[in-house]
Amino acid sequence: YGYSDFGWLVVIGIVGGIVGSLYTRAVIFGVSSRIRLLGGRPRLKVLDALLWSTIAFSTFYWAGAFSDCTACPPESSCYGGGTNATATDRMLQELPATSRGRRLAGAG
């Protein structure tokens, strides 16, 4: 790395620290507001938990539904045989085809 790279790393570190501290303050404000609003009402706490879990589930579900994700073609390196293959991919490739099918069907 050169000296100019060091300067950019310092700038990125400072900006990251500022954003991190703002995030921490926002989380503290949000948690204290929820504690103040929900106080000693157990039914509201349950409804609050259901609301947030529904929002989180919906976000993750619809984010995947609207993405343009496609499967890797078999000849690419991301399919398992290339440099990005994990140990599990390599082990599954070494199994006979009949064992591989049974193992994958029983895993889910």
PDB file of N, CA and C in Angstrom:
ATOM      1  N   TYR A   1       0.834  -1.181   0.000  1.00  0.00           N
ATOM      2  CA  TYR A   1       0.000   0.000   0.000  1.00  0.00           C
ATOM      3  C   TYR A   1       0.881   1.248   0.000  1.00  0.00           C
ATOM      4  N   GLY A   2       0.388   2.296  -0.652  1.00  0.00           N
ATOM      5  CA  GLY A   2       1.112   3.552  -0.672  1.00  0.00           C
ATOM      6  C   GLY A   2       0.569   4.502   0.392  1.00  0.00           C
ATOM      7  N   TYR A   3       1.205   5.663   0.483  1.00  0.00           N
ATOM      8  CA  TYR A   3       0.769   6.644   1.478  1.00  0.00           C
ATOM      9  C   TYR A   3      -0.615   7.205   1.160  1.00  0.00           C
ATOM     10  N   SER A   4      -0.963   7.317  -0.108  1.00  0.00           N
ATOM     11  CA  SER A   4      -2.295   7.821  -0.453  1.00  0.00           C
ATOM     12  C   SER A   4      -3.372   6.816  -0.045  1.00  0.00           C
ATOM     13  N   ASP A   5      -3.052   5.522  -0.125  1.00  0.00           N
ATOM     14  CA  ASP A   5      -4.012   4.512   0.329  1.00  0.00           C
ATOM     15  C   ASP A   5      -4.244   4.619   1.833  1.00  0.00           C
ATOM     16  N   PHE A   6      -3.193   4.912   2.570  1.00  0.00           N
ATOM     17  CA  PHE A   6      -3.318   5.068   4.013  1.00  0.00           C
ATOM     18  C   PHE A   6      -4.258   6.216   4.359  1.00  0.00           C
ATOM     19  N   GLY A   7      -4.164   7.308   3.610  1.00  0.00           N
ATOM     20  CA  GLY A   7      -5.059   8.447   3.852  1.00  0.00           C
ATOM     21  C   GLY A   7      -6.520   8.073   3.625  1.00  0.00           C
ATOM     22  N   TRP A   8      -6.784   7.312   2.549  1.00  0.00           N
ATOM     23  CA  TRP A   8      -8.169   6.891   2.295  1.00  0.00           C
ATOM     24  C   TRP A   8      -8.662   5.921   3.370  1.00  0.00           C
ATOM     25  N   LEU A   9      -7.789   5.078   3.875  1.00  0.00           N
ATOM     26  CA  LEU A   9      -8.190   4.178   4.957  1.00  0.00           C
ATOM     27  C   LEU A   9      -8.564   4.956   6.217  1.00  0.00           C
ATOM     28  N   VAL A  10      -7.834   6.030   6.487  1.00  0.00           N
ATOM     29  CA  VAL A  10      -8.154   6.874   7.638  1.00  0.00           C
ATOM     30  C   VAL A  10      -9.520   7.529   7.449  1.00  0.00           C
ATOM     31  N   VAL A  11      -9.779   8.045   6.244  1.00  0.00           N
ATOM     32  CA  VAL A  11     -11.069   8.684   5.961  1.00  0.00           C
ATOM     33  C   VAL A  11     -12.205   7.675   6.104  1.00  0.00           C
ATOM     34  N   ILE A  12     -12.027   6.486   5.544  1.00  0.00           N
ATOM     35  CA  ILE A  12     -13.067   5.453   5.650  1.00  0.00           C
ATOM     36  C   ILE A  12     -13.288   5.066   7.105  1.00  0.00           C
ATOM     37  N   GLY A  13     -12.214   4.979   7.883  1.00  0.00           N
ATOM     38  CA  GLY A  13     -12.345   4.655   9.303  1.00  0.00           C
ATOM     39  C   GLY A  13     -13.114   5.713  10.073  1.00  0.00           C
ATOM     40  N   ILE A  14     -12.840   6.975   9.786  1.00  0.00           N
ATOM     41  CA  ILE A  14     -13.536   8.072  10.469  1.00  0.00           C
ATOM     42  C   ILE A  14     -15.017   8.074  10.099  1.00  0.00           C
ATOM     43  N   VAL A  15     -15.309   7.941   8.798  1.00  0.00           N
ATOM     44  CA  VAL A  15     -16.715   7.912   8.365  1.00  0.00           C
ATOM     45  C   VAL A  15     -17.427   6.701   8.963  1.00  0.00           C
ATOM     46  N   GLY A  16     -16.770   5.543   8.970  1.00  0.00           N
ATOM     47  CA  GLY A  16     -17.368   4.349   9.569  1.00  0.00           C
ATOM     48  C   GLY A  16     -17.639   4.532  11.057  1.00  0.00           C
ATOM     49  N   GLY A  17     -16.731   5.187  11.768  1.00  0.00           N
ATOM     50  CA  GLY A  17     -16.945   5.445  13.192  1.00  0.00           C
ATOM     51  C   GLY A  17     -18.125   6.368  13.436  1.00  0.00           C
ATOM     52  N   ILE A  18     -18.264   7.392  12.607  1.00  0.00           N
ATOM     53  CA  ILE A  18     -19.395   8.323  12.753  1.00  0.00           C
ATOM     54  C   ILE A  18     -20.713   7.623  12.467  1.00  0.00           C
ATOM     55  N   VAL A  19     -20.753   6.850  11.383  1.00  0.00           N
ATOM     56  CA  VAL A  19     -21.983   6.126  11.046  1.00  0.00           C
ATOM     57  C   VAL A  19     -22.311   5.102  12.123  1.00  0.00           C
ATOM     58  N   GLY A  20     -21.300   4.427  12.645  1.00  0.00           N
ATOM     59  CA  GLY A  20     -21.526   3.455  13.710  1.00  0.00           C
ATOM     60  C   GLY A  20     -22.079   4.089  14.977  1.00  0.00           C
ATOM     61  N   SER A  21     -21.556   5.251  15.348  1.00  0.00           N
ATOM     62  CA  SER A  21     -22.054   5.921  16.554  1.00  0.00           C
ATOM     63  C   SER A  21     -23.480   6.425  16.350  1.00  0.00           C
ATOM     64  N   LEU A  22     -23.798   6.901  15.130  1.00  0.00           N
ATOM     65  CA  LEU A  22     -25.176   7.321  14.850  1.00  0.00           C
ATOM     66  C   LEU A  22     -26.131   6.133  14.910  1.00  0.00           C
ATOM     67  N   TYR A  23     -25.694   4.995  14.398  1.00  0.00           N
ATOM     68  CA  TYR A  23     -26.526   3.790  14.470  1.00  0.00           C
ATOM     69  C   TYR A  23     -26.770   3.383  15.928  1.00  0.00           C
ATOM     70  N   THR A  24     -25.728   3.429  16.749  1.00  0.00           N
ATOM     71  CA  THR A  24     -25.873   3.069  18.159  1.00  0.00           C
ATOM     72  C   THR A  24     -26.847   4.006  18.865  1.00  0.00           C
ATOM     73  N   ARG A  25     -26.750   5.294  18.585  1.00  0.00           N
ATOM     74  CA  ARG A  25     -27.675   6.256  19.205  1.00  0.00           C
ATOM     75  C   ARG A  25     -29.112   6.007  18.751  1.00  0.00           C
ATOM     76  N   ALA A  26     -29.299   5.663  17.473  1.00  0.00           N
ATOM     77  CA  ALA A  26     -30.642   5.386  16.967  1.00  0.00           C
ATOM     78  C   ALA A  26     -31.226   4.128  17.618  1.00  0.00           C
ATOM     79  N   VAL A  27     -30.399   3.104  17.809  1.00  0.00           N
ATOM     80  CA  VAL A  27     -30.876   1.878  18.458  1.00  0.00           C
ATOM     81  C   VAL A  27     -31.250   2.164  19.905  1.00  0.00           C
ATOM     82  N   ILE A  28     -30.435   2.909  20.604  1.00  0.00           N
ATOM     83  CA  ILE A  28     -30.740   3.250  22.006  1.00  0.00           C
ATOM     84  C   ILE A  28     -32.033   4.049  22.086  1.00  0.00           C
ATOM     85  N   PHE A  29     -32.219   5.000  21.179  1.00  0.00           N
ATOM     86  CA  PHE A  29     -33.450   5.788  21.157  1.00  0.00           C
ATOM     87  C   PHE A  29     -34.657   4.897  20.870  1.00  0.00           C
ATOM     88  N   GLY A  30     -34.524   3.999  19.905  1.00  0.00           N
ATOM     89  CA  GLY A  30     -35.637   3.111  19.570  1.00  0.00           C
ATOM     90  C   GLY A  30     -36.007   2.173  20.708  1.00  0.00           C
ATOM     91  N   VAL A  31     -35.014   1.607  21.365  1.00  0.00           N
ATOM     92  CA  VAL A  31     -35.281   0.689  22.478  1.00  0.00           C
ATOM     93  C   VAL A  31     -35.897   1.433  23.655  1.00  0.00           C
ATOM     94  N   SER A  32     -35.381   2.600  23.971  1.00  0.00           N
ATOM     95  CA  SER A  32     -35.953   3.353  25.095  1.00  0.00           C
ATOM     96  C   SER A  32     -37.374   3.811  24.780  1.00  0.00           C
ATOM     97  N   SER A  33     -37.655   4.139  23.532  1.00  0.00           N
ATOM     98  CA  SER A  33     -39.028   4.512  23.151  1.00  0.00           C
ATOM     99  C   SER A  33     -39.969   3.330  23.278  1.00  0.00           C
ATOM    100  N   ARG A  34     -39.523   2.149  22.851  1.00  0.00           N
ATOM    101  CA  ARG A  34     -40.371   0.959  22.968  1.00  0.00           C
ATOM    102  C   ARG A  34     -40.627   0.609  24.431  1.00  0.00           C
ATOM    103  N   ILE A  35     -39.619   0.739  25.272  1.00  0.00           N
ATOM    104  CA  ILE A  35     -39.790   0.451  26.695  1.00  0.00           C
ATOM    105  C   ILE A  35     -40.785   1.433  27.298  1.00  0.00           C
ATOM    106  N   ARG A  36     -40.667   2.696  26.916  1.00  0.00           N
ATOM    107  CA  ARG A  36     -41.561   3.725  27.443  1.00  0.00           C
ATOM    108  C   ARG A  36     -43.004   3.481  26.975  1.00  0.00           C
ATOM    109  N   LEU A  37     -43.189   3.101  25.715  1.00  0.00           N
ATOM    110  CA  LEU A  37     -44.533   2.898  25.181  1.00  0.00           C
ATOM    111  C   LEU A  37     -45.182   1.600  25.649  1.00  0.00           C
ATOM    112  N   LEU A  38     -44.395   0.525  25.737  1.00  0.00           N
ATOM    113  CA  LEU A  38     -44.959  -0.775  26.070  1.00  0.00           C
ATOM    114  C   LEU A  38     -44.950  -1.062  27.561  1.00  0.00           C
ATOM    115  N   GLY A  39     -44.158  -0.353  28.294  1.00  0.00           N
ATOM    116  CA  GLY A  39     -44.094  -0.427  29.743  1.00  0.00           C
ATOM    117  C   GLY A  39     -44.475  -1.760  30.356  1.00  0.00           C
ATOM    118  N   GLY A  40     -45.588  -1.789  31.089  1.00  0.00           N
ATOM    119  CA  GLY A  40     -46.011  -2.991  31.792  1.00  0.00           C
ATOM    120  C   GLY A  40     -47.203  -3.652  31.143  1.00  0.00           C
ATOM    121  N   ARG A  41     -47.344  -3.553  29.851  1.00  0.00           N
ATOM    122  CA  ARG A  41     -48.490  -4.143  29.152  1.00  0.00           C
ATOM    123  C   ARG A  41     -48.026  -5.362  28.361  1.00  0.00           C
ATOM    124  N   PRO A  42     -48.219  -6.558  28.937  1.00  0.00           N
ATOM    125  CA  PRO A  42     -47.705  -7.767  28.292  1.00  0.00           C
ATOM    126  C   PRO A  42     -48.356  -8.066  26.939  1.00  0.00           C
ATOM    127  N   ARG A  43     -49.628  -7.748  26.773  1.00  0.00           N
ATOM    128  CA  ARG A  43     -50.295  -8.036  25.492  1.00  0.00           C
ATOM    129  C   ARG A  43     -49.712  -7.174  24.376  1.00  0.00           C
ATOM    130  N   LEU A  44     -49.407  -5.926  24.678  1.00  0.00           N
ATOM    131  CA  LEU A  44     -48.777  -5.071  23.681  1.00  0.00           C
ATOM    132  C   LEU A  44     -47.378  -5.549  23.322  1.00  0.00           C
ATOM    133  N   LYS A  45     -46.665  -6.122  24.303  1.00  0.00           N
ATOM    134  CA  LYS A  45     -45.335  -6.657  24.025  1.00  0.00           C
ATOM    135  C   LYS A  45     -45.432  -7.832  23.055  1.00  0.00           C
ATOM    136  N   VAL A  46     -46.433  -8.683  23.235  1.00  0.00           N
ATOM    137  CA  VAL A  46     -46.624  -9.813  22.324  1.00  0.00           C
ATOM    138  C   VAL A  46     -46.982  -9.306  20.928  1.00  0.00           C
ATOM    139  N   LEU A  47     -47.890  -8.325  20.858  1.00  0.00           N
ATOM    140  CA  LEU A  47     -48.255  -7.766  19.559  1.00  0.00           C
ATOM    141  C   LEU A  47     -47.059  -7.087  18.888  1.00  0.00           C
ATOM    142  N   ASP A  48     -46.234  -6.429  19.682  1.00  0.00           N
ATOM    143  CA  ASP A  48     -45.036  -5.788  19.151  1.00  0.00           C
ATOM    144  C   ASP A  48     -44.083  -6.837  18.568  1.00  0.00           C
ATOM    145  N   ALA A  49     -43.893  -7.935  19.291  1.00  0.00           N
ATOM    146  CA  ALA A  49     -43.017  -9.001  18.792  1.00  0.00           C
ATOM    147  C   ALA A  49     -43.588  -9.616  17.518  1.00  0.00           C
ATOM    148  N   LEU A  50     -44.891  -9.833  17.461  1.00  0.00           N
ATOM    149  CA  LEU A  50     -45.520 -10.373  16.252  1.00  0.00           C
ATOM    150  C   LEU A  50     -45.383  -9.412  15.076  1.00  0.00           C
ATOM    151  N   LEU A  51     -45.559  -8.130  15.334  1.00  0.00           N
ATOM    152  CA  LEU A  51     -45.435  -7.137  14.277  1.00  0.00           C
ATOM    153  C   LEU A  51     -44.024  -7.129  13.687  1.00  0.00           C
ATOM    154  N   TRP A  52     -43.003  -7.088  14.552  1.00  0.00           N
ATOM    155  CA  TRP A  52     -41.623  -7.029  14.070  1.00  0.00           C
ATOM    156  C   TRP A  52     -41.211  -8.322  13.382  1.00  0.00           C
ATOM    157  N   SER A  53     -41.670  -9.467  13.881  1.00  0.00           N
ATOM    158  CA  SER A  53     -41.319 -10.723  13.209  1.00  0.00           C
ATOM    159  C   SER A  53     -42.015 -10.822  11.856  1.00  0.00           C
ATOM    160  N   THR A  54     -43.246 -10.307  11.747  1.00  0.00           N
ATOM    161  CA  THR A  54     -43.940 -10.299  10.454  1.00  0.00           C
ATOM    162  C   THR A  54     -43.221  -9.390   9.462  1.00  0.00           C
ATOM    163  N   ILE A  55     -42.784  -8.238   9.921  1.00  0.00           N
ATOM    164  CA  ILE A  55     -42.049  -7.324   9.047  1.00  0.00           C
ATOM    165  C   ILE A  55     -40.739  -7.958   8.592  1.00  0.00           C
ATOM    166  N   ALA A  56     -40.016  -8.590   9.509  1.00  0.00           N
ATOM    167  CA  ALA A  56     -38.739  -9.211   9.150  1.00  0.00           C
ATOM    168  C   ALA A  56     -38.957 -10.365   8.175  1.00  0.00           C
ATOM    169  N   PHE A  57     -39.925 -11.229   8.441  1.00  0.00           N
ATOM    170  CA  PHE A  57     -40.190 -12.357   7.548  1.00  0.00           C
ATOM    171  C   PHE A  57     -40.600 -11.870   6.168  1.00  0.00           C
ATOM    172  N   SER A  58     -41.488 -10.889   6.127  1.00  0.00           N
ATOM    173  CA  SER A  58     -41.948 -10.373   4.837  1.00  0.00           C
ATOM    174  C   SER A  58     -40.804  -9.754   4.046  1.00  0.00           C
ATOM    175  N   THR A  59     -39.936  -9.036   4.727  1.00  0.00           N
ATOM    176  CA  THR A  59     -38.803  -8.416   4.053  1.00  0.00           C
ATOM    177  C   THR A  59     -37.898  -9.473   3.430  1.00  0.00           C
ATOM    178  N   PHE A  60     -37.544 -10.502   4.201  1.00  0.00           N
ATOM    179  CA  PHE A  60     -36.661 -11.534   3.679  1.00  0.00           C
ATOM    180  C   PHE A  60     -37.339 -12.343   2.584  1.00  0.00           C
ATOM    181  N   TYR A  61     -38.632 -12.603   2.711  1.00  0.00           N
ATOM    182  CA  TYR A  61     -39.346 -13.373   1.700  1.00  0.00           C
ATOM    183  C   TYR A  61     -39.432 -12.596   0.387  1.00  0.00           C
ATOM    184  N   TRP A  62     -39.878 -11.362   0.454  1.00  0.00           N
ATOM    185  CA  TRP A  62     -40.070 -10.596  -0.773  1.00  0.00           C
ATOM    186  C   TRP A  62     -38.761 -10.135  -1.386  1.00  0.00           C
ATOM    187  N   ALA A  63     -37.719  -9.964  -0.592  1.00  0.00           N
ATOM    188  CA  ALA A  63     -36.411  -9.612  -1.161  1.00  0.00           C
ATOM    189  C   ALA A  63     -35.914 -10.739  -2.057  1.00  0.00           C
ATOM    190  N   GLY A  64     -36.131 -11.964  -1.651  1.00  0.00           N
ATOM    191  CA  GLY A  64     -35.734 -13.094  -2.475  1.00  0.00           C
ATOM    192  C   GLY A  64     -36.639 -13.276  -3.677  1.00  0.00           C
ATOM    193  N   ALA A  65     -37.906 -12.950  -3.527  1.00  0.00           N
ATOM    194  CA  ALA A  65     -38.855 -13.131  -4.625  1.00  0.00           C
ATOM    195  C   ALA A  65     -38.605 -12.124  -5.748  1.00  0.00           C
ATOM    196  N   PHE A  66     -38.118 -10.951  -5.416  1.00  0.00           N
ATOM    197  CA  PHE A  66     -37.916  -9.921  -6.425  1.00  0.00           C
ATOM    198  C   PHE A  66     -36.488  -9.842  -6.958  1.00  0.00           C
ATOM    199  N   SER A  67     -35.595 -10.702  -6.475  1.00  0.00           N
ATOM    200  CA  SER A  67     -34.225 -10.648  -6.968  1.00  0.00           C
ATOM    201  C   SER A  67     -34.117 -11.422  -8.276  1.00  0.00           C
ATOM    202  N   ASP A  68     -33.123 -11.074  -9.078  1.00  0.00           N
ATOM    203  CA  ASP A  68     -32.891 -11.742 -10.350  1.00  0.00           C
ATOM    204  C   ASP A  68     -31.854 -12.849 -10.198  1.00  0.00           C
ATOM    205  N   CYS A  69     -31.907 -13.561  -9.111  1.00  0.00           N
ATOM    206  CA  CYS A  69     -30.929 -14.603  -8.835  1.00  0.00           C
ATOM    207  C   CYS A  69     -31.211 -15.815  -9.719  1.00  0.00           C
ATOM    208  N   THR A  70     -30.179 -16.322 -10.357  1.00  0.00           N
ATOM    209  CA  THR A  70     -30.307 -17.519 -11.179  1.00  0.00           C
ATOM    210  C   THR A  70     -29.246 -18.519 -10.752  1.00  0.00           C
ATOM    211  N   ALA A  71     -29.488 -19.766 -11.072  1.00  0.00           N
ATOM    212  CA  ALA A  71     -28.527 -20.806 -10.721  1.00  0.00           C
ATOM    213  C   ALA A  71     -27.274 -20.678 -11.582  1.00  0.00           C
ATOM    214  N   CYS A  72     -26.150 -21.066 -11.038  1.00  0.00           N
ATOM    215  CA  CYS A  72     -24.902 -21.045 -11.792  1.00  0.00           C
ATOM    216  C   CYS A  72     -24.932 -22.147 -12.842  1.00  0.00           C
ATOM    217  N   PRO A  73     -24.434 -21.876 -14.039  1.00  0.00           N
ATOM    218  CA  PRO A  73     -24.345 -22.942 -15.036  1.00  0.00           C
ATOM    219  C   PRO A  73     -23.321 -23.991 -14.598  1.00  0.00           C
ATOM    220  N   PRO A  74     -23.503 -25.240 -14.980  1.00  0.00           N
ATOM    221  CA  PRO A  74     -22.603 -26.311 -14.506  1.00  0.00           C
ATOM    222  C   PRO A  74     -21.137 -26.107 -14.874  1.00  0.00           C
ATOM    223  N   GLU A  75     -20.849 -25.417 -15.971  1.00  0.00           N
ATOM    224  CA  GLU A  75     -19.449 -25.253 -16.364  1.00  0.00           C
ATOM    225  C   GLU A  75     -18.751 -24.115 -15.630  1.00  0.00           C
ATOM    226  N   SER A  76     -19.460 -23.345 -14.802  1.00  0.00           N
ATOM    227  CA  SER A  76     -18.824 -22.233 -14.096  1.00  0.00           C
ATOM    228  C   SER A  76     -18.134 -22.724 -12.831  1.00  0.00           C
ATOM    229  N   SER A  77     -17.237 -21.916 -12.292  1.00  0.00           N
ATOM    230  CA  SER A  77     -16.496 -22.310 -11.096  1.00  0.00           C
ATOM    231  C   SER A  77     -17.340 -22.207  -9.838  1.00  0.00           C
ATOM    232  N   CYS A  78     -18.474 -21.518  -9.887  1.00  0.00           N
ATOM    233  CA  CYS A  78     -19.293 -21.391  -8.678  1.00  0.00           C
ATOM    234  C   CYS A  78     -20.182 -22.610  -8.460  1.00  0.00           C
ATOM    235  N   TYR A  79     -20.177 -23.562  -9.394  1.00  0.00           N
ATOM    236  CA  TYR A  79     -21.053 -24.719  -9.285  1.00  0.00           C
ATOM    237  C   TYR A  79     -20.511 -25.793  -8.358  1.00  0.00           C
ATOM    238  N   GLY A  80     -19.267 -25.742  -7.999  1.00  0.00           N
ATOM    239  CA  GLY A  80     -18.764 -26.715  -7.041  1.00  0.00           C
ATOM    240  C   GLY A  80     -17.426 -27.320  -7.411  1.00  0.00           C
ATOM    241  N   GLY A  81     -17.152 -27.542  -8.660  1.00  0.00           N
ATOM    242  CA  GLY A  81     -15.918 -28.202  -9.022  1.00  0.00           C
ATOM    243  C   GLY A  81     -14.740 -27.252  -9.138  1.00  0.00           C
ATOM    244  N   GLY A  82     -14.985 -25.969  -9.166  1.00  0.00           N
ATOM    245  CA  GLY A  82     -13.925 -24.994  -9.394  1.00  0.00           C
ATOM    246  C   GLY A  82     -13.202 -24.605  -8.126  1.00  0.00           C
ATOM    247  N   THR A  83     -12.580 -23.460  -8.165  1.00  0.00           N
ATOM    248  CA  THR A  83     -11.772 -23.014  -7.040  1.00  0.00           C
ATOM    249  C   THR A  83     -12.623 -22.569  -5.858  1.00  0.00           C
ATOM    250  N   ASN A  84     -13.899 -22.249  -6.092  1.00  0.00           N
ATOM    251  CA  ASN A  84     -14.754 -21.787  -5.006  1.00  0.00           C
ATOM    252  C   ASN A  84     -15.522 -22.920  -4.338  1.00  0.00           C
ATOM    253  N   ALA A  85     -15.204 -24.162  -4.652  1.00  0.00           N
ATOM    254  CA  ALA A  85     -15.946 -25.293  -4.108  1.00  0.00           C
ATOM    255  C   ALA A  85     -15.665 -25.436  -2.615  1.00  0.00           C
ATOM    256  N   THR A  86     -16.698 -25.760  -1.875  1.00  0.00           N
ATOM    257  CA  THR A  86     -16.538 -26.003  -0.452  1.00  0.00           C
ATOM    258  C   THR A  86     -16.223 -27.476  -0.238  1.00  0.00           C
ATOM    259  N   ALA A  87     -15.857 -27.821   0.974  1.00  0.00           N
ATOM    260  CA  ALA A  87     -15.538 -29.214   1.279  1.00  0.00           C
ATOM    261  C   ALA A  87     -16.762 -30.098   1.076  1.00  0.00           C
ATOM    262  N   THR A  88     -17.950 -29.591   1.414  1.00  0.00           N
ATOM    263  CA  THR A  88     -19.168 -30.373   1.235  1.00  0.00           C
ATOM    264  C   THR A  88     -19.423 -30.635  -0.242  1.00  0.00           C
ATOM    265  N   ASP A  89     -19.196 -29.636  -1.088  1.00  0.00           N
ATOM    266  CA  ASP A  89     -19.364 -29.830  -2.532  1.00  0.00           C
ATOM    267  C   ASP A  89     -18.436 -30.922  -3.039  1.00  0.00           C
ATOM    268  N   ARG A  90     -17.187 -30.891  -2.598  1.00  0.00           N
ATOM    269  CA  ARG A  90     -16.220 -31.892  -3.053  1.00  0.00           C
ATOM    270  C   ARG A  90     -16.606 -33.282  -2.567  1.00  0.00           C
ATOM    271  N   MET A  91     -17.074 -33.393  -1.322  1.00  0.00           N
ATOM    272  CA  MET A  91     -17.473 -34.700  -0.795  1.00  0.00           C
ATOM    273  C   MET A  91     -18.690 -35.236  -1.547  1.00  0.00           C
ATOM    274  N   LEU A  92     -19.646 -34.371  -1.873  1.00  0.00           N
ATOM    275  CA  LEU A  92     -20.824 -34.822  -2.600  1.00  0.00           C
ATOM    276  C   LEU A  92     -20.480 -35.265  -4.009  1.00  0.00           C
ATOM    277  N   GLN A  93     -19.480 -34.645  -4.619  1.00  0.00           N
ATOM    278  CA  GLN A  93     -19.087 -35.054  -5.956  1.00  0.00           C
ATOM    279  C   GLN A  93     -18.399 -36.409  -5.954  1.00  0.00           C
ATOM    280  N   GLU A  94     -17.769 -36.780  -4.845  1.00  0.00           N
ATOM    281  CA  GLU A  94     -17.082 -38.055  -4.767  1.00  0.00           C
ATOM    282  C   GLU A  94     -18.034 -39.212  -4.525  1.00  0.00           C
ATOM    283  N   LEU A  95     -19.255 -38.938  -4.036  1.00  0.00           N
ATOM    284  CA  LEU A  95     -20.229 -40.001  -3.783  1.00  0.00           C
ATOM    285  C   LEU A  95     -20.809 -40.512  -5.089  1.00  0.00           C
ATOM    286  N   PRO A  96     -21.205 -41.796  -5.127  1.00  0.00           N
ATOM    287  CA  PRO A  96     -21.927 -42.283  -6.314  1.00  0.00           C
ATOM    288  C   PRO A  96     -23.253 -41.545  -6.459  1.00  0.00           C
ATOM    289  N   ALA A  97     -23.781 -41.514  -7.652  1.00  0.00           N
ATOM    290  CA  ALA A  97     -25.001 -40.758  -7.929  1.00  0.00           C
ATOM    291  C   ALA A  97     -26.167 -41.226  -7.080  1.00  0.00           C
ATOM    292  N   THR A  98     -26.299 -42.530  -6.819  1.00  0.00           N
ATOM    293  CA  THR A  98     -27.429 -43.022  -6.028  1.00  0.00           C
ATOM    294  C   THR A  98     -27.308 -42.570  -4.580  1.00  0.00           C
ATOM    295  N   SER A  99     -26.108 -42.625  -4.036  1.00  0.00           N
ATOM    296  CA  SER A  99     -25.929 -42.161  -2.651  1.00  0.00           C
ATOM    297  C   SER A  99     -26.151 -40.676  -2.533  1.00  0.00           C
ATOM    298  N   ARG A 100     -25.711 -39.931  -3.531  1.00  0.00           N
ATOM    299  CA  ARG A 100     -25.862 -38.481  -3.502  1.00  0.00           C
ATOM    300  C   ARG A 100     -27.339 -38.112  -3.471  1.00  0.00           C
ATOM    301  N   GLY A 101     -28.151 -38.769  -4.285  1.00  0.00           N
ATOM    302  CA  GLY A 101     -29.587 -38.480  -4.315  1.00  0.00           C
ATOM    303  C   GLY A 101     -30.259 -38.793  -2.998  1.00  0.00           C
ATOM    304  N   ARG A 102     -29.900 -39.943  -2.409  1.00  0.00           N
ATOM    305  CA  ARG A 102     -30.504 -40.308  -1.118  1.00  0.00           C
ATOM    306  C   ARG A 102     -30.050 -39.369  -0.020  1.00  0.00           C
ATOM    307  N   ARG A 103     -28.798 -38.976  -0.032  1.00  0.00           N
ATOM    308  CA  ARG A 103     -28.289 -38.114   1.025  1.00  0.00           C
ATOM    309  C   ARG A 103     -28.950 -36.735   0.957  1.00  0.00           C
ATOM    310  N   LEU A 104     -29.080 -36.197  -0.222  1.00  0.00           N
ATOM    311  CA  LEU A 104     -29.697 -34.883  -0.360  1.00  0.00           C
ATOM    312  C   LEU A 104     -31.191 -34.937  -0.042  1.00  0.00           C
ATOM    313  N   ALA A 105     -31.855 -36.023  -0.408  1.00  0.00           N
ATOM    314  CA  ALA A 105     -33.283 -36.131  -0.119  1.00  0.00           C
ATOM    315  C   ALA A 105     -33.526 -36.276   1.377  1.00  0.00           C
ATOM    316  N   GLY A 106     -32.633 -36.966   2.085  1.00  0.00           N
ATOM    317  CA  GLY A 106     -32.818 -37.153   3.513  1.00  0.00           C
ATOM    318  C   GLY A 106     -32.368 -35.975   4.342  1.00  0.00           C
ATOM    319  N   ALA A 107     -31.576 -35.086   3.752  1.00  0.00           N
ATOM    320  CA  ALA A 107     -31.051 -33.950   4.519  1.00  0.00           C
ATOM    321  C   ALA A 107     -32.121 -32.920   4.821  1.00  0.00           C
ATOM    322  N   GLY A 108     -33.142 -32.788   3.985  1.00  0.00           N
ATOM    323  CA  GLY A 108     -34.145 -31.730   4.165  1.00  0.00           C
ATOM    324  C   GLY A 108     -35.250 -32.204   4.966  1.00  0.00           C
TER     325      GLY A 108
END
